Structure formats: C-alpha cells, structure tokens
Amino acid sequence: MFGDGAAATIMSIDGVARIGEFVLGIDGSGANNLMVKMGGARHSKPLQDEDFDADGYILTSDHLYMNG
C-alpha cells in the first residue's frame, strides 16, 4: 500500500534517551482520493486528449490518481 513515513534518531551522551507518546492508526475517510475506479488494466481503453489535465496527468477511471 501507500503511506508516508517519518523517522527520528535520539542521541544522548548520558546514555539515556526517551521516545515520547505516539498514535498509530488508520483513517479511511479519504479513500476516494486514491482510487482506480474501473480496476486498472482489466477495463482500460485507448487514451484521448481529453483524458489529460493541464499538467499532463491522466484523469480517467482506468488509471490510478492521487489527489494530494
């Protein structure tokens, strides 16, 4: 799957380091922002000029598009 990650390194000359509290979870409320609506290659059709946005990204239901 897709995801963002971050890492931190704690260094101490005293030999004592503490990792603070964190929350690990999933929020699926934005699922419509990462979608292949028609199932990708199973249902693809030849691309037309109107299938591209102004920046050249493909915006069809057959292709993966991430809004964000």
N, C-alpha and C. Protein backbone atom coordinates (compact mmCIF):
# COMPACT_ATOMS: atom_id res chain seq x y z
N MET A 1 0.83 -1.18 0.00
CA MET A 1 0.00 0.00 0.00
C MET A 1 0.88 1.24 0.00
N PHE A 2 0.25 2.36 0.04
CA PHE A 2 0.95 3.62 0.03
C PHE A 2 0.97 4.18 1.45
N GLY A 3 1.93 5.03 1.71
CA GLY A 3 1.97 5.65 3.02
C GLY A 3 3.08 6.66 3.12
N ASP A 4 3.00 7.45 4.12
CA ASP A 4 4.04 8.42 4.43
C ASP A 4 4.75 7.93 5.68
N GLY A 5 6.01 8.23 5.79
CA GLY A 5 6.75 7.79 6.96
C GLY A 5 7.68 8.87 7.45
N ALA A 6 8.04 8.75 8.69
CA ALA A 6 8.98 9.69 9.28
C ALA A 6 9.83 8.92 10.28
N ALA A 7 11.01 9.39 10.49
CA ALA A 7 11.90 8.74 11.45
C ALA A 7 12.66 9.81 12.23
N ALA A 8 13.01 9.45 13.44
CA ALA A 8 13.80 10.35 14.28
C ALA A 8 14.84 9.52 15.01
N THR A 9 15.99 10.10 15.21
CA THR A 9 17.05 9.44 15.96
C THR A 9 17.35 10.26 17.20
N ILE A 10 17.33 9.59 18.33
CA ILE A 10 17.62 10.26 19.59
C ILE A 10 19.03 9.88 20.01
N MET A 11 19.86 10.89 20.24
CA MET A 11 21.24 10.64 20.66
C MET A 11 21.48 11.36 21.98
N SER A 12 22.20 10.70 22.85
CA SER A 12 22.47 11.30 24.15
C SER A 12 23.85 10.88 24.62
N ILE A 13 24.60 11.81 25.18
CA ILE A 13 25.91 11.46 25.73
C ILE A 13 25.76 10.85 27.13
N ASP A 14 24.57 11.00 27.72
CA ASP A 14 24.31 10.43 29.04
C ASP A 14 23.89 8.97 28.98
N GLY A 15 23.60 8.47 27.78
CA GLY A 15 23.15 7.09 27.65
C GLY A 15 21.67 6.94 27.95
N VAL A 16 20.95 8.04 28.08
CA VAL A 16 19.52 7.99 28.38
C VAL A 16 18.77 8.69 27.25
N ALA A 17 17.83 7.99 26.66
CA ALA A 17 17.01 8.58 25.61
C ALA A 17 15.58 8.11 25.83
N ARG A 18 14.64 8.97 25.52
CA ARG A 18 13.23 8.64 25.75
C ARG A 18 12.44 8.87 24.46
N ILE A 19 11.63 7.90 24.12
CA ILE A 19 10.73 8.05 22.99
C ILE A 19 9.38 8.47 23.55
N GLY A 20 8.85 9.56 23.03
CA GLY A 20 7.58 10.10 23.51
C GLY A 20 6.38 9.31 23.02
N GLU A 21 5.20 9.75 23.41
CA GLU A 21 3.96 9.09 23.02
C GLU A 21 3.71 9.26 21.53
N PHE A 22 3.01 8.30 20.95
CA PHE A 22 2.63 8.37 19.55
C PHE A 22 1.32 7.65 19.35
N VAL A 23 0.67 7.94 18.24
CA VAL A 23 -0.59 7.30 17.89
C VAL A 23 -0.40 6.59 16.56
N LEU A 24 -0.79 5.34 16.50
CA LEU A 24 -0.70 4.55 15.29
C LEU A 24 -2.11 4.14 14.90
N GLY A 25 -2.53 4.47 13.70
CA GLY A 25 -3.89 4.13 13.30
C GLY A 25 -4.13 4.40 11.83
N ILE A 26 -5.35 4.15 11.42
CA ILE A 26 -5.76 4.32 10.02
C ILE A 26 -7.03 5.16 9.98
N ASP A 27 -7.09 6.06 9.00
CA ASP A 27 -8.29 6.84 8.75
C ASP A 27 -8.63 6.69 7.28
N GLY A 28 -9.65 5.93 6.96
CA GLY A 28 -10.00 5.67 5.57
C GLY A 28 -10.96 6.67 4.95
N SER A 29 -11.19 7.79 5.63
CA SER A 29 -12.17 8.75 5.12
C SER A 29 -11.75 9.39 3.80
N GLY A 30 -10.47 9.37 3.45
CA GLY A 30 -10.01 9.96 2.19
C GLY A 30 -9.79 8.94 1.09
N ALA A 31 -10.39 7.76 1.20
CA ALA A 31 -10.16 6.69 0.22
C ALA A 31 -10.49 7.10 -1.20
N ASN A 32 -11.45 7.99 -1.37
CA ASN A 32 -11.80 8.41 -2.73
C ASN A 32 -10.72 9.27 -3.38
N ASN A 33 -9.70 9.67 -2.65
CA ASN A 33 -8.60 10.46 -3.20
C ASN A 33 -7.48 9.59 -3.77
N LEU A 34 -7.58 8.28 -3.60
CA LEU A 34 -6.59 7.34 -4.15
C LEU A 34 -7.36 6.13 -4.66
N MET A 35 -7.71 6.15 -5.93
CA MET A 35 -8.65 5.17 -6.43
C MET A 35 -8.37 4.82 -7.88
N VAL A 36 -8.58 3.56 -8.23
CA VAL A 36 -8.67 3.13 -9.63
C VAL A 36 -10.10 2.63 -9.78
N LYS A 37 -10.98 3.49 -10.22
CA LYS A 37 -12.41 3.21 -10.20
C LYS A 37 -12.83 2.05 -11.08
N MET A 38 -12.19 1.88 -12.22
CA MET A 38 -12.60 0.83 -13.14
C MET A 38 -11.72 -0.41 -13.06
N GLY A 39 -10.79 -0.47 -12.13
CA GLY A 39 -9.99 -1.67 -11.97
C GLY A 39 -8.73 -1.72 -12.79
N GLY A 40 -8.26 -0.61 -13.29
CA GLY A 40 -6.97 -0.55 -13.99
C GLY A 40 -6.99 -1.24 -15.33
N ALA A 41 -6.00 -2.08 -15.60
CA ALA A 41 -5.78 -2.67 -16.91
C ALA A 41 -6.91 -3.60 -17.35
N ARG A 42 -7.70 -4.09 -16.43
CA ARG A 42 -8.79 -5.01 -16.81
C ARG A 42 -9.82 -4.35 -17.71
N HIS A 43 -10.01 -3.03 -17.57
CA HIS A 43 -11.05 -2.34 -18.31
C HIS A 43 -10.52 -1.13 -19.08
N SER A 44 -9.25 -1.07 -19.35
CA SER A 44 -8.67 0.15 -19.94
C SER A 44 -9.10 0.33 -21.40
N LYS A 45 -9.07 1.60 -21.82
CA LYS A 45 -9.39 1.96 -23.21
C LYS A 45 -8.28 2.89 -23.70
N PRO A 46 -8.14 3.06 -25.00
CA PRO A 46 -7.11 3.99 -25.51
C PRO A 46 -7.34 5.41 -24.99
N LEU A 47 -6.26 6.11 -24.69
CA LEU A 47 -6.36 7.46 -24.15
C LEU A 47 -6.67 8.47 -25.24
N GLN A 48 -7.46 9.47 -24.89
CA GLN A 48 -7.81 10.58 -25.77
C GLN A 48 -7.22 11.86 -25.17
N ASP A 49 -7.16 12.93 -25.95
CA ASP A 49 -6.63 14.20 -25.46
C ASP A 49 -7.37 14.70 -24.22
N GLU A 50 -8.68 14.48 -24.17
CA GLU A 50 -9.47 14.97 -23.03
C GLU A 50 -9.24 14.16 -21.74
N ASP A 51 -8.47 13.07 -21.84
CA ASP A 51 -8.16 12.26 -20.65
C ASP A 51 -7.04 12.85 -19.81
N PHE A 52 -6.42 13.93 -20.25
CA PHE A 52 -5.29 14.54 -19.55
C PHE A 52 -5.70 15.89 -18.97
N ASP A 53 -5.16 16.22 -17.79
CA ASP A 53 -5.40 17.57 -17.26
C ASP A 53 -4.35 18.53 -17.80
N ALA A 54 -4.37 19.78 -17.36
CA ALA A 54 -3.47 20.81 -17.88
C ALA A 54 -2.00 20.51 -17.61
N ASP A 55 -1.72 19.71 -16.58
CA ASP A 55 -0.33 19.36 -16.25
C ASP A 55 0.13 18.05 -16.90
N GLY A 56 -0.74 17.42 -17.67
CA GLY A 56 -0.37 16.19 -18.36
C GLY A 56 -0.66 14.92 -17.59
N TYR A 57 -1.35 15.02 -16.45
CA TYR A 57 -1.72 13.83 -15.68
C TYR A 57 -2.95 13.18 -16.27
N ILE A 58 -2.95 11.86 -16.26
CA ILE A 58 -4.09 11.10 -16.78
C ILE A 58 -5.21 11.12 -15.74
N LEU A 59 -6.39 11.51 -16.15
CA LEU A 59 -7.53 11.59 -15.25
C LEU A 59 -8.70 10.76 -15.76
N THR A 60 -8.51 9.45 -15.85
CA THR A 60 -9.61 8.58 -16.25
C THR A 60 -9.91 7.61 -15.12
N SER A 61 -11.05 6.96 -15.20
CA SER A 61 -11.43 5.97 -14.19
C SER A 61 -10.59 4.70 -14.29
N ASP A 62 -9.81 4.56 -15.36
CA ASP A 62 -8.98 3.37 -15.57
C ASP A 62 -7.60 3.48 -14.94
N HIS A 63 -7.20 4.67 -14.51
CA HIS A 63 -5.83 4.90 -14.06
C HIS A 63 -5.78 5.40 -12.62
N LEU A 64 -4.70 5.02 -11.92
CA LEU A 64 -4.51 5.45 -10.55
C LEU A 64 -4.23 6.94 -10.52
N TYR A 65 -4.94 7.64 -9.66
CA TYR A 65 -4.73 9.08 -9.49
C TYR A 65 -4.82 9.38 -8.00
N MET A 66 -3.86 10.13 -7.49
CA MET A 66 -3.87 10.52 -6.09
C MET A 66 -4.08 12.02 -5.99
N ASN A 67 -5.13 12.43 -5.33
CA ASN A 67 -5.46 13.83 -5.14
C ASN A 67 -4.80 14.30 -3.85
N GLY A 68 -3.58 14.80 -3.98
CA GLY A 68 -2.90 15.28 -2.77
C GLY A 68 -1.48 14.82 -2.70
